[in-house]
Amino acid sequence: MSKEIAISAARLARDVPAAELRLDEALIAVSTLMTSAVIARRDVAGVPATKGQATIRRLMKAQIALVDASGDILRVHGALAEIGRETAGYDLHECPSVAQAGTRAQGAAA
C-alpha cells in the first residue's frame, strides 16, 4: 500500500466515526430541546398551546434533517470502505467490528 493511501485511510478512519458520533450528539441535543419545549408548553400557564406549535414543528424538521444526514454519513462510510477494499485490499482496518466478524466467519469456514 502506498504512503498516500495509508495516510488517507488513517485520516478517514479517524474522521468518519467522529462525524457519525457528532451527528448522534446533535440529534440527542435537538431531541432534548424538543422535550423541554413540549414540557414548557404543557406546564407554563397562560400561554396558548398554539404559540409553541411552530417552534415544535421546526424542531421536528431539524430532527428529520439530522436523521437524514446520519443516514447519508453511514452510506458514505460504506462507500469509503468499499473503495478501500478495491483500492488497497483494505479488509481489517476501516471497520474493526465488521472486520472481526468477517475474520470469525472465515475461521469457522476453514
PDB file of N, CA and C in Angstrom:
ATOM      1  N   MET A   1       0.843  -1.173   0.000  1.00  0.00           N
ATOM      2  CA  MET A   1       0.000   0.000   0.000  1.00  0.00           C
ATOM      3  C   MET A   1       0.887   1.234   0.000  1.00  0.00           C
ATOM      4  N   SER A   2       0.532   2.198  -0.835  1.00  0.00           N
ATOM      5  CA  SER A   2       1.334   3.410  -0.920  1.00  0.00           C
ATOM      6  C   SER A   2       1.171   4.253   0.339  1.00  0.00           C
ATOM      7  N   LYS A   3       2.136   5.128   0.541  1.00  0.00           N
ATOM      8  CA  LYS A   3       2.105   6.018   1.709  1.00  0.00           C
ATOM      9  C   LYS A   3       0.876   6.923   1.674  1.00  0.00           C
ATOM     10  N   GLU A   4       0.535   7.432   0.483  1.00  0.00           N
ATOM     11  CA  GLU A   4      -0.622   8.317   0.352  1.00  0.00           C
ATOM     12  C   GLU A   4      -1.919   7.603   0.725  1.00  0.00           C
ATOM     13  N   ILE A   5      -2.056   6.355   0.303  1.00  0.00           N
ATOM     14  CA  ILE A   5      -3.260   5.589   0.636  1.00  0.00           C
ATOM     15  C   ILE A   5      -3.323   5.362   2.144  1.00  0.00           C
ATOM     16  N   ALA A   6      -2.202   5.020   2.736  1.00  0.00           N
ATOM     17  CA  ALA A   6      -2.173   4.773   4.182  1.00  0.00           C
ATOM     18  C   ALA A   6      -2.541   6.032   4.964  1.00  0.00           C
ATOM     19  N   ILE A   7      -2.022   7.165   4.536  1.00  0.00           N
ATOM     20  CA  ILE A   7      -2.329   8.440   5.218  1.00  0.00           C
ATOM     21  C   ILE A   7      -3.813   8.774   5.056  1.00  0.00           C
ATOM     22  N   SER A   8      -4.314   8.640   3.851  1.00  0.00           N
ATOM     23  CA  SER A   8      -5.736   8.923   3.616  1.00  0.00           C
ATOM     24  C   SER A   8      -6.628   7.977   4.404  1.00  0.00           C
ATOM     25  N   ALA A   9      -6.275   6.706   4.419  1.00  0.00           N
ATOM     26  CA  ALA A   9      -7.069   5.719   5.157  1.00  0.00           C
ATOM     27  C   ALA A   9      -7.073   6.028   6.651  1.00  0.00           C
ATOM     28  N   ALA A  10      -5.926   6.410   7.189  1.00  0.00           N
ATOM     29  CA  ALA A  10      -5.845   6.745   8.610  1.00  0.00           C
ATOM     30  C   ALA A  10      -6.694   7.977   8.925  1.00  0.00           C
ATOM     31  N   ARG A  11      -6.641   8.967   8.061  1.00  0.00           N
ATOM     32  CA  ARG A  11      -7.438  10.182   8.265  1.00  0.00           C
ATOM     33  C   ARG A  11      -8.933   9.856   8.224  1.00  0.00           C
ATOM     34  N   LEU A  12      -9.346   9.069   7.245  1.00  0.00           N
ATOM     35  CA  LEU A  12     -10.755   8.697   7.129  1.00  0.00           C
ATOM     36  C   LEU A  12     -11.203   7.814   8.293  1.00  0.00           C
ATOM     37  N   ALA A  13     -10.328   6.918   8.731  1.00  0.00           N
ATOM     38  CA  ALA A  13     -10.656   6.060   9.874  1.00  0.00           C
ATOM     39  C   ALA A  13     -10.895   6.890  11.127  1.00  0.00           C
ATOM     40  N   ARG A  14     -10.269   8.032  11.220  1.00  0.00           N
ATOM     41  CA  ARG A  14     -10.474   8.945  12.350  1.00  0.00           C
ATOM     42  C   ARG A  14     -11.715   9.811  12.139  1.00  0.00           C
ATOM     43  N   ASP A  15     -11.876  10.351  10.932  1.00  0.00           N
ATOM     44  CA  ASP A  15     -12.886  11.373  10.692  1.00  0.00           C
ATOM     45  C   ASP A  15     -14.302  10.826  10.500  1.00  0.00           C
ATOM     46  N   VAL A  16     -14.446   9.675   9.879  1.00  0.00           N
ATOM     47  CA  VAL A  16     -15.787   9.140   9.628  1.00  0.00           C
ATOM     48  C   VAL A  16     -16.496   8.805  10.942  1.00  0.00           C
ATOM     49  N   PRO A  17     -15.898   8.024  11.845  1.00  0.00           N
ATOM     50  CA  PRO A  17     -16.585   7.759  13.117  1.00  0.00           C
ATOM     51  C   PRO A  17     -16.831   9.030  13.934  1.00  0.00           C
ATOM     52  N   ALA A  18     -15.922  10.002  13.842  1.00  0.00           N
ATOM     53  CA  ALA A  18     -16.120  11.268  14.561  1.00  0.00           C
ATOM     54  C   ALA A  18     -17.355  11.990  14.021  1.00  0.00           C
ATOM     55  N   ALA A  19     -17.546  11.995  12.717  1.00  0.00           N
ATOM     56  CA  ALA A  19     -18.725  12.631  12.123  1.00  0.00           C
ATOM     57  C   ALA A  19     -20.000  11.898  12.542  1.00  0.00           C
ATOM     58  N   GLU A  20     -19.951  10.566  12.544  1.00  0.00           N
ATOM     59  CA  GLU A  20     -21.111   9.781  12.967  1.00  0.00           C
ATOM     60  C   GLU A  20     -21.476  10.102  14.413  1.00  0.00           C
ATOM     61  N   LEU A  21     -20.474  10.172  15.276  1.00  0.00           N
ATOM     62  CA  LEU A  21     -20.698  10.467  16.683  1.00  0.00           C
ATOM     63  C   LEU A  21     -21.269  11.866  16.878  1.00  0.00           C
ATOM     64  N   ARG A  22     -20.721  12.841  16.169  1.00  0.00           N
ATOM     65  CA  ARG A  22     -21.214  14.221  16.311  1.00  0.00           C
ATOM     66  C   ARG A  22     -22.649  14.374  15.828  1.00  0.00           C
ATOM     67  N   LEU A  23     -23.011  13.664  14.785  1.00  0.00           N
ATOM     68  CA  LEU A  23     -24.409  13.707  14.341  1.00  0.00           C
ATOM     69  C   LEU A  23     -25.328  13.096  15.385  1.00  0.00           C
ATOM     70  N   ASP A  24     -24.905  11.995  15.993  1.00  0.00           N
ATOM     71  CA  ASP A  24     -25.700  11.401  17.071  1.00  0.00           C
ATOM     72  C   ASP A  24     -25.841  12.369  18.239  1.00  0.00           C
ATOM     73  N   GLU A  25     -24.747  13.044  18.599  1.00  0.00           N
ATOM     74  CA  GLU A  25     -24.803  14.011  19.692  1.00  0.00           C
ATOM     75  C   GLU A  25     -25.734  15.176  19.353  1.00  0.00           C
ATOM     76  N   ALA A  26     -25.706  15.630  18.108  1.00  0.00           N
ATOM     77  CA  ALA A  26     -26.603  16.705  17.685  1.00  0.00           C
ATOM     78  C   ALA A  26     -28.059  16.253  17.748  1.00  0.00           C
ATOM     79  N   LEU A  27     -28.326  15.023  17.336  1.00  0.00           N
ATOM     80  CA  LEU A  27     -29.683  14.503  17.388  1.00  0.00           C
ATOM     81  C   LEU A  27     -30.170  14.404  18.833  1.00  0.00           C
ATOM     82  N   ILE A  28     -29.308  13.968  19.716  1.00  0.00           N
ATOM     83  CA  ILE A  28     -29.663  13.911  21.142  1.00  0.00           C
ATOM     84  C   ILE A  28     -29.964  15.311  21.674  1.00  0.00           C
ATOM     85  N   ALA A  29     -29.133  16.295  21.307  1.00  0.00           N
ATOM     86  CA  ALA A  29     -29.332  17.670  21.781  1.00  0.00           C
ATOM     87  C   ALA A  29     -30.656  18.243  21.278  1.00  0.00           C
ATOM     88  N   VAL A  30     -30.975  18.027  20.010  1.00  0.00           N
ATOM     89  CA  VAL A  30     -32.226  18.546  19.461  1.00  0.00           C
ATOM     90  C   VAL A  30     -33.412  17.811  20.078  1.00  0.00           C
ATOM     91  N   SER A  31     -33.275  16.524  20.305  1.00  0.00           N
ATOM     92  CA  SER A  31     -34.353  15.755  20.941  1.00  0.00           C
ATOM     93  C   SER A  31     -34.592  16.231  22.378  1.00  0.00           C
ATOM     94  N   THR A  32     -33.525  16.526  23.087  1.00  0.00           N
ATOM     95  CA  THR A  32     -33.646  17.054  24.445  1.00  0.00           C
ATOM     96  C   THR A  32     -34.335  18.417  24.420  1.00  0.00           C
ATOM     97  N   LEU A  33     -33.947  19.256  23.466  1.00  0.00           N
ATOM     98  CA  LEU A  33     -34.593  20.558  23.321  1.00  0.00           C
ATOM     99  C   LEU A  33     -36.073  20.399  22.996  1.00  0.00           C
ATOM    100  N   MET A  34     -36.406  19.452  22.137  1.00  0.00           N
ATOM    101  CA  MET A  34     -37.812  19.187  21.803  1.00  0.00           C
ATOM    102  C   MET A  34     -38.579  18.811  23.066  1.00  0.00           C
ATOM    103  N   THR A  35     -38.009  17.929  23.854  1.00  0.00           N
ATOM    104  CA  THR A  35     -38.660  17.524  25.102  1.00  0.00           C
ATOM    105  C   THR A  35     -38.890  18.723  26.013  1.00  0.00           C
ATOM    106  N   SER A  36     -37.879  19.551  26.165  1.00  0.00           N
ATOM    107  CA  SER A  36     -38.004  20.741  27.016  1.00  0.00           C
ATOM    108  C   SER A  36     -39.070  21.697  26.490  1.00  0.00           C
ATOM    109  N   ALA A  37     -39.126  21.879  25.184  1.00  0.00           N
ATOM    110  CA  ALA A  37     -40.123  22.784  24.601  1.00  0.00           C
ATOM    111  C   ALA A  37     -41.540  22.265  24.819  1.00  0.00           C
ATOM    112  N   VAL A  38     -41.754  20.971  24.664  1.00  0.00           N
ATOM    113  CA  VAL A  38     -43.083  20.397  24.847  1.00  0.00           C
ATOM    114  C   VAL A  38     -43.482  20.458  26.325  1.00  0.00           C
ATOM    115  N   ILE A  39     -42.545  20.166  27.216  1.00  0.00           N
ATOM    116  CA  ILE A  39     -42.836  20.264  28.651  1.00  0.00           C
ATOM    117  C   ILE A  39     -43.183  21.705  29.028  1.00  0.00           C
ATOM    118  N   ALA A  40     -42.424  22.660  28.491  1.00  0.00           N
ATOM    119  CA  ALA A  40     -42.710  24.070  28.778  1.00  0.00           C
ATOM    120  C   ALA A  40     -44.093  24.459  28.277  1.00  0.00           C
ATOM    121  N   ARG A  41     -44.437  24.021  27.081  1.00  0.00           N
ATOM    122  CA  ARG A  41     -45.760  24.343  26.527  1.00  0.00           C
ATOM    123  C   ARG A  41     -46.858  23.774  27.412  1.00  0.00           C
ATOM    124  N   ARG A  42     -46.646  22.576  27.913  1.00  0.00           N
ATOM    125  CA  ARG A  42     -47.640  21.928  28.771  1.00  0.00           C
ATOM    126  C   ARG A  42     -47.734  22.605  30.138  1.00  0.00           C
ATOM    127  N   ASP A  43     -46.582  22.984  30.709  1.00  0.00           N
ATOM    128  CA  ASP A  43     -46.535  23.403  32.105  1.00  0.00           C
ATOM    129  C   ASP A  43     -46.691  24.901  32.350  1.00  0.00           C
ATOM    130  N   VAL A  44     -46.415  25.733  31.359  1.00  0.00           N
ATOM    131  CA  VAL A  44     -46.477  27.175  31.580  1.00  0.00           C
ATOM    132  C   VAL A  44     -47.915  27.638  31.401  1.00  0.00           C
ATOM    133  N   ALA A  45     -48.470  28.150  32.497  1.00  0.00           N
ATOM    134  CA  ALA A  45     -49.869  28.601  32.493  1.00  0.00           C
ATOM    135  C   ALA A  45     -49.992  29.905  31.713  1.00  0.00           C
ATOM    136  N   GLY A  46     -51.108  30.044  31.032  1.00  0.00           N
ATOM    137  CA  GLY A  46     -51.402  31.294  30.360  1.00  0.00           C
ATOM    138  C   GLY A  46     -50.847  31.423  28.955  1.00  0.00           C
ATOM    139  N   VAL A  47     -50.055  30.464  28.510  1.00  0.00           N
ATOM    140  CA  VAL A  47     -49.519  30.511  27.150  1.00  0.00           C
ATOM    141  C   VAL A  47     -50.317  29.510  26.313  1.00  0.00           C
ATOM    142  N   PRO A  48     -50.989  29.990  25.288  1.00  0.00           N
ATOM    143  CA  PRO A  48     -51.787  29.071  24.464  1.00  0.00           C
ATOM    144  C   PRO A  48     -50.892  28.027  23.774  1.00  0.00           C
ATOM    145  N   ALA A  49     -51.412  26.832  23.662  1.00  0.00           N
ATOM    146  CA  ALA A  49     -50.653  25.739  23.031  1.00  0.00           C
ATOM    147  C   ALA A  49     -50.255  26.092  21.606  1.00  0.00           C
ATOM    148  N   THR A  50     -51.061  26.879  20.929  1.00  0.00           N
ATOM    149  CA  THR A  50     -50.751  27.242  19.539  1.00  0.00           C
ATOM    150  C   THR A  50     -49.490  28.084  19.420  1.00  0.00           C
ATOM    151  N   LYS A  51     -49.121  28.791  20.484  1.00  0.00           N
ATOM    152  CA  LYS A  51     -47.919  29.637  20.449  1.00  0.00           C
ATOM    153  C   LYS A  51     -46.651  28.816  20.224  1.00  0.00           C
ATOM    154  N   GLY A  52     -46.564  27.642  20.794  1.00  0.00           N
ATOM    155  CA  GLY A  52     -45.353  26.838  20.663  1.00  0.00           C
ATOM    156  C   GLY A  52     -45.360  25.862  19.506  1.00  0.00           C
ATOM    157  N   GLN A  53     -46.482  25.761  18.825  1.00  0.00           N
ATOM    158  CA  GLN A  53     -46.603  24.745  17.771  1.00  0.00           C
ATOM    159  C   GLN A  53     -45.600  24.949  16.638  1.00  0.00           C
ATOM    160  N   ALA A  54     -45.407  26.175  16.193  1.00  0.00           N
ATOM    161  CA  ALA A  54     -44.465  26.425  15.094  1.00  0.00           C
ATOM    162  C   ALA A  54     -43.042  26.062  15.507  1.00  0.00           C
ATOM    163  N   THR A  55     -42.706  26.368  16.748  1.00  0.00           N
ATOM    164  CA  THR A  55     -41.372  26.023  17.248  1.00  0.00           C
ATOM    165  C   THR A  55     -41.178  24.513  17.292  1.00  0.00           C
ATOM    166  N   ILE A  56     -42.179  23.813  17.763  1.00  0.00           N
ATOM    167  CA  ILE A  56     -42.090  22.351  17.842  1.00  0.00           C
ATOM    168  C   ILE A  56     -41.978  21.751  16.445  1.00  0.00           C
ATOM    169  N   ARG A  57     -42.710  22.284  15.490  1.00  0.00           N
ATOM    170  CA  ARG A  57     -42.602  21.790  14.105  1.00  0.00           C
ATOM    171  C   ARG A  57     -41.202  22.036  13.540  1.00  0.00           C
ATOM    172  N   ARG A  58     -40.603  23.192  13.846  1.00  0.00           N
ATOM    173  CA  ARG A  58     -39.239  23.463  13.372  1.00  0.00           C
ATOM    174  C   ARG A  58     -38.237  22.494  14.000  1.00  0.00           C
ATOM    175  N   LEU A  59     -38.422  22.204  15.271  1.00  0.00           N
ATOM    176  CA  LEU A  59     -37.539  21.225  15.921  1.00  0.00           C
ATOM    177  C   LEU A  59     -37.700  19.849  15.293  1.00  0.00           C
ATOM    178  N   MET A  60     -38.938  19.498  14.966  1.00  0.00           N
ATOM    179  CA  MET A  60     -39.180  18.216  14.300  1.00  0.00           C
ATOM    180  C   MET A  60     -38.452  18.164  12.957  1.00  0.00           C
ATOM    181  N   LYS A  61     -38.506  19.257  12.201  1.00  0.00           N
ATOM    182  CA  LYS A  61     -37.802  19.309  10.916  1.00  0.00           C
ATOM    183  C   LYS A  61     -36.293  19.181  11.113  1.00  0.00           C
ATOM    184  N   ALA A  62     -35.775  19.799  12.182  1.00  0.00           N
ATOM    185  CA  ALA A  62     -34.342  19.686  12.478  1.00  0.00           C
ATOM    186  C   ALA A  62     -33.986  18.238  12.810  1.00  0.00           C
ATOM    187  N   GLN A  63     -34.843  17.551  13.563  1.00  0.00           N
ATOM    188  CA  GLN A  63     -34.598  16.136  13.869  1.00  0.00           C
ATOM    189  C   GLN A  63     -34.577  15.295  12.598  1.00  0.00           C
ATOM    190  N   ILE A  64     -35.536  15.515  11.743  1.00  0.00           N
ATOM    191  CA  ILE A  64     -35.600  14.757  10.486  1.00  0.00           C
ATOM    192  C   ILE A  64     -34.344  15.013   9.651  1.00  0.00           C
ATOM    193  N   ALA A  65     -33.917  16.273   9.590  1.00  0.00           N
ATOM    194  CA  ALA A  65     -32.708  16.598   8.822  1.00  0.00           C
ATOM    195  C   ALA A  65     -31.493  15.890   9.396  1.00  0.00           C
ATOM    196  N   LEU A  66     -31.396  15.818  10.716  1.00  0.00           N
ATOM    197  CA  LEU A  66     -30.260  15.139  11.341  1.00  0.00           C
ATOM    198  C   LEU A  66     -30.310  13.631  11.091  1.00  0.00           C
ATOM    199  N   VAL A  67     -31.491  13.043  11.143  1.00  0.00           N
ATOM    200  CA  VAL A  67     -31.626  11.614  10.847  1.00  0.00           C
ATOM    201  C   VAL A  67     -31.234  11.343   9.394  1.00  0.00           C
ATOM    202  N   ASP A  68     -31.663  12.209   8.485  1.00  0.00           N
ATOM    203  CA  ASP A  68     -31.280  12.056   7.076  1.00  0.00           C
ATOM    204  C   ASP A  68     -29.768  12.195   6.898  1.00  0.00           C
ATOM    205  N   ALA A  69     -29.183  13.184   7.559  1.00  0.00           N
ATOM    206  CA  ALA A  69     -27.729  13.384   7.463  1.00  0.00           C
ATOM    207  C   ALA A  69     -26.983  12.182   8.025  1.00  0.00           C
ATOM    208  N   SER A  70     -27.467  11.650   9.129  1.00  0.00           N
ATOM    209  CA  SER A  70     -26.834  10.471   9.722  1.00  0.00           C
ATOM    210  C   SER A  70     -26.870   9.288   8.755  1.00  0.00           C
ATOM    211  N   GLY A  71     -28.006   9.083   8.111  1.00  0.00           N
ATOM    212  CA  GLY A  71     -28.108   8.009   7.124  1.00  0.00           C
ATOM    213  C   GLY A  71     -27.145   8.201   5.967  1.00  0.00           C
ATOM    214  N   ASP A  72     -27.008   9.444   5.525  1.00  0.00           N
ATOM    215  CA  ASP A  72     -26.071   9.729   4.437  1.00  0.00           C
ATOM    216  C   ASP A  72     -24.633   9.447   4.853  1.00  0.00           C
ATOM    217  N   ILE A  73     -24.266   9.832   6.063  1.00  0.00           N
ATOM    218  CA  ILE A  73     -22.902   9.568   6.549  1.00  0.00           C
ATOM    219  C   ILE A  73     -22.659   8.064   6.664  1.00  0.00           C
ATOM    220  N   LEU A  74     -23.661   7.316   7.114  1.00  0.00           N
ATOM    221  CA  LEU A  74     -23.499   5.860   7.176  1.00  0.00           C
ATOM    222  C   LEU A  74     -23.300   5.275   5.783  1.00  0.00           C
ATOM    223  N   ARG A  75     -24.013   5.808   4.787  1.00  0.00           N
ATOM    224  CA  ARG A  75     -23.811   5.336   3.410  1.00  0.00           C
ATOM    225  C   ARG A  75     -22.420   5.707   2.898  1.00  0.00           C
ATOM    226  N   VAL A  76     -21.964   6.906   3.252  1.00  0.00           N
ATOM    227  CA  VAL A  76     -20.608   7.324   2.884  1.00  0.00           C
ATOM    228  C   VAL A  76     -19.595   6.373   3.505  1.00  0.00           C
ATOM    229  N   HIS A  77     -19.803   6.013   4.762  1.00  0.00           N
ATOM    230  CA  HIS A  77     -18.901   5.083   5.447  1.00  0.00           C
ATOM    231  C   HIS A  77     -18.800   3.771   4.663  1.00  0.00           C
ATOM    232  N   GLY A  78     -19.949   3.246   4.270  1.00  0.00           N
ATOM    233  CA  GLY A  78     -19.948   2.004   3.492  1.00  0.00           C
ATOM    234  C   GLY A  78     -19.251   2.165   2.147  1.00  0.00           C
ATOM    235  N   ALA A  79     -19.502   3.288   1.484  1.00  0.00           N
ATOM    236  CA  ALA A  79     -18.873   3.529   0.180  1.00  0.00           C
ATOM    237  C   ALA A  79     -17.360   3.658   0.323  1.00  0.00           C
ATOM    238  N   LEU A  80     -16.915   4.361   1.358  1.00  0.00           N
ATOM    239  CA  LEU A  80     -15.473   4.509   1.574  1.00  0.00           C
ATOM    240  C   LEU A  80     -14.823   3.174   1.910  1.00  0.00           C
ATOM    241  N   ALA A  81     -15.513   2.355   2.679  1.00  0.00           N
ATOM    242  CA  ALA A  81     -14.981   1.025   2.999  1.00  0.00           C
ATOM    243  C   ALA A  81     -14.825   0.195   1.726  1.00  0.00           C
ATOM    244  N   GLU A  82     -15.801   0.298   0.832  1.00  0.00           N
ATOM    245  CA  GLU A  82     -15.722  -0.431  -0.441  1.00  0.00           C
ATOM    246  C   GLU A  82     -14.562   0.085  -1.288  1.00  0.00           C
ATOM    247  N   ILE A  83     -14.396   1.394  -1.343  1.00  0.00           N
ATOM    248  CA  ILE A  83     -13.273   1.974  -2.084  1.00  0.00           C
ATOM    249  C   ILE A  83     -11.954   1.481  -1.503  1.00  0.00           C
ATOM    250  N   GLY A  84     -11.882   1.429  -0.170  1.00  0.00           N
ATOM    251  CA  GLY A  84     -10.664   0.939   0.479  1.00  0.00           C
ATOM    252  C   GLY A  84     -10.354  -0.500   0.116  1.00  0.00           C
ATOM    253  N   ARG A  85     -11.390  -1.331   0.080  1.00  0.00           N
ATOM    254  CA  ARG A  85     -11.174  -2.740  -0.300  1.00  0.00           C
ATOM    255  C   ARG A  85     -10.709  -2.840  -1.741  1.00  0.00           C
ATOM    256  N   GLU A  86     -11.320  -2.064  -2.632  1.00  0.00           N
ATOM    257  CA  GLU A  86     -10.961  -2.119  -4.052  1.00  0.00           C
ATOM    258  C   GLU A  86      -9.586  -1.519  -4.321  1.00  0.00           C
ATOM    259  N   THR A  87      -9.267  -0.442  -3.627  1.00  0.00           N
ATOM    260  CA  THR A  87      -8.036   0.297  -3.904  1.00  0.00           C
ATOM    261  C   THR A  87      -6.820  -0.313  -3.234  1.00  0.00           C
ATOM    262  N   ALA A  88      -7.005  -0.752  -1.986  1.00  0.00           N
ATOM    263  CA  ALA A  88      -5.828  -1.145  -1.209  1.00  0.00           C
ATOM    264  C   ALA A  88      -5.952  -2.529  -0.609  1.00  0.00           C
ATOM    265  N   GLY A  89      -6.991  -3.257  -0.951  1.00  0.00           N
ATOM    266  CA  GLY A  89      -7.179  -4.557  -0.322  1.00  0.00           C
ATOM    267  C   GLY A  89      -7.379  -4.402   1.169  1.00  0.00           C
ATOM    268  N   TYR A  90      -8.005  -3.311   1.559  1.00  0.00           N
ATOM    269  CA  TYR A  90      -8.118  -2.901   2.958  1.00  0.00           C
ATOM    270  C   TYR A  90      -9.295  -3.607   3.602  1.00  0.00           C
ATOM    271  N   ASP A  91      -9.056  -4.743   4.259  1.00  0.00           N
ATOM    272  CA  ASP A  91     -10.152  -5.527   4.827  1.00  0.00           C
ATOM    273  C   ASP A  91     -10.323  -5.347   6.328  1.00  0.00           C
ATOM    274  N   LEU A  92      -9.253  -5.169   7.065  1.00  0.00           N
ATOM    275  CA  LEU A  92      -9.340  -5.259   8.512  1.00  0.00           C
ATOM    276  C   LEU A  92      -9.234  -3.937   9.239  1.00  0.00           C
ATOM    277  N   HIS A  93      -9.058  -2.842   8.561  1.00  0.00           N
ATOM    278  CA  HIS A  93      -8.738  -1.612   9.269  1.00  0.00           C
ATOM    279  C   HIS A  93      -9.841  -0.565   9.283  1.00  0.00           C
ATOM    280  N   GLU A  94     -10.746  -0.558   8.301  1.00  0.00           N
ATOM    281  CA  GLU A  94     -11.688   0.546   8.255  1.00  0.00           C
ATOM    282  C   GLU A  94     -12.837   0.401   9.226  1.00  0.00           C
ATOM    283  N   CYS A  95     -13.268  -0.786   9.539  1.00  0.00           N
ATOM    284  CA  CYS A  95     -14.399  -1.010  10.444  1.00  0.00           C
ATOM    285  C   CYS A  95     -14.065  -2.206  11.336  1.00  0.00           C
ATOM    286  N   PRO A  96     -13.437  -1.998  12.455  1.00  0.00           N
ATOM    287  CA  PRO A  96     -12.972  -3.120  13.272  1.00  0.00           C
ATOM    288  C   PRO A  96     -14.046  -4.146  13.599  1.00  0.00           C
ATOM    289  N   SER A  97     -15.253  -3.745  13.968  1.00  0.00           N
ATOM    290  CA  SER A  97     -16.260  -4.742  14.329  1.00  0.00           C
ATOM    291  C   SER A  97     -16.677  -5.572  13.117  1.00  0.00           C
ATOM    292  N   VAL A  98     -16.761  -4.954  11.941  1.00  0.00           N
ATOM    293  CA  VAL A  98     -17.104  -5.687  10.730  1.00  0.00           C
ATOM    294  C   VAL A  98     -15.959  -6.621  10.360  1.00  0.00           C
ATOM    295  N   ALA A  99     -14.741  -6.134  10.463  1.00  0.00           N
ATOM    296  CA  ALA A  99     -13.575  -6.947  10.122  1.00  0.00           C
ATOM    297  C   ALA A  99     -13.465  -8.147  11.059  1.00  0.00           C
ATOM    298  N   GLN A 100     -13.705  -7.948  12.341  1.00  0.00           N
ATOM    299  CA  GLN A 100     -13.628  -9.051  13.301  1.00  0.00           C
ATOM    300  C   GLN A 100     -14.684 -10.101  12.993  1.00  0.00           C
ATOM    301  N   ALA A 101     -15.893  -9.672  12.646  1.00  0.00           N
ATOM    302  CA  ALA A 101     -16.949 -10.609  12.300  1.00  0.00           C
ATOM    303  C   ALA A 101     -16.563 -11.416  11.066  1.00  0.00           C
ATOM    304  N   GLY A 102     -15.967 -10.755  10.072  1.00  0.00           N
ATOM    305  CA  GLY A 102     -15.526 -11.441   8.870  1.00  0.00           C
ATOM    306  C   GLY A 102     -14.421 -12.443   9.147  1.00  0.00           C
ATOM    307  N   THR A 103     -13.504 -12.077  10.049  1.00  0.00           N
ATOM    308  CA  THR A 103     -12.407 -12.975  10.410  1.00  0.00           C
ATOM    309  C   THR A 103     -12.949 -14.213  11.105  1.00  0.00           C
ATOM    310  N   ARG A 104     -13.921 -14.046  12.001  1.00  0.00           N
ATOM    311  CA  ARG A 104     -14.526 -15.185  12.696  1.00  0.00           C
ATOM    312  C   ARG A 104     -15.244 -16.090  11.706  1.00  0.00           C
ATOM    313  N   ALA A 105     -15.958 -15.491  10.750  1.00  0.00           N
ATOM    314  CA  ALA A 105     -16.677 -16.279   9.756  1.00  0.00           C
ATOM    315  C   ALA A 105     -15.718 -17.073   8.884  1.00  0.00           C
ATOM    316  N   GLN A 106     -14.566 -16.458   8.522  1.00  0.00           N
ATOM    317  CA  GLN A 106     -13.569 -17.164   7.727  1.00  0.00           C
ATOM    318  C   GLN A 106     -12.986 -18.320   8.519  1.00  0.00           C
ATOM    319  N   GLY A 107     -12.724 -18.095   9.812  1.00  0.00           N
ATOM    320  CA  GLY A 107     -12.160 -19.148  10.657  1.00  0.00           C
ATOM    321  C   GLY A 107     -13.124 -20.305  10.812  1.00  0.00           C
ATOM    322  N   ALA A 108     -14.408 -20.022  10.906  1.00  0.00           N
ATOM    323  CA  ALA A 108     -15.421 -21.058  11.050  1.00  0.00           C
ATOM    324  C   ALA A 108     -15.549 -21.877   9.775  1.00  0.00           C
ATOM    325  N   ALA A 109     -15.352 -21.222   8.634  1.00  0.00           N
ATOM    326  CA  ALA A 109     -15.474 -21.909   7.346  1.00  0.00           C
ATOM    327  C   ALA A 109     -14.283 -22.802   7.067  1.00  0.00           C
ATOM    328  N   ALA A 110     -13.164 -22.523   7.692  1.00  0.00           N
ATOM    329  CA  ALA A 110     -11.936 -23.286   7.400  1.00  0.00           C
ATOM    330  C   ALA A 110     -11.917 -24.644   8.027  1.00  0.00           C
TER     331      ALA A 110
END
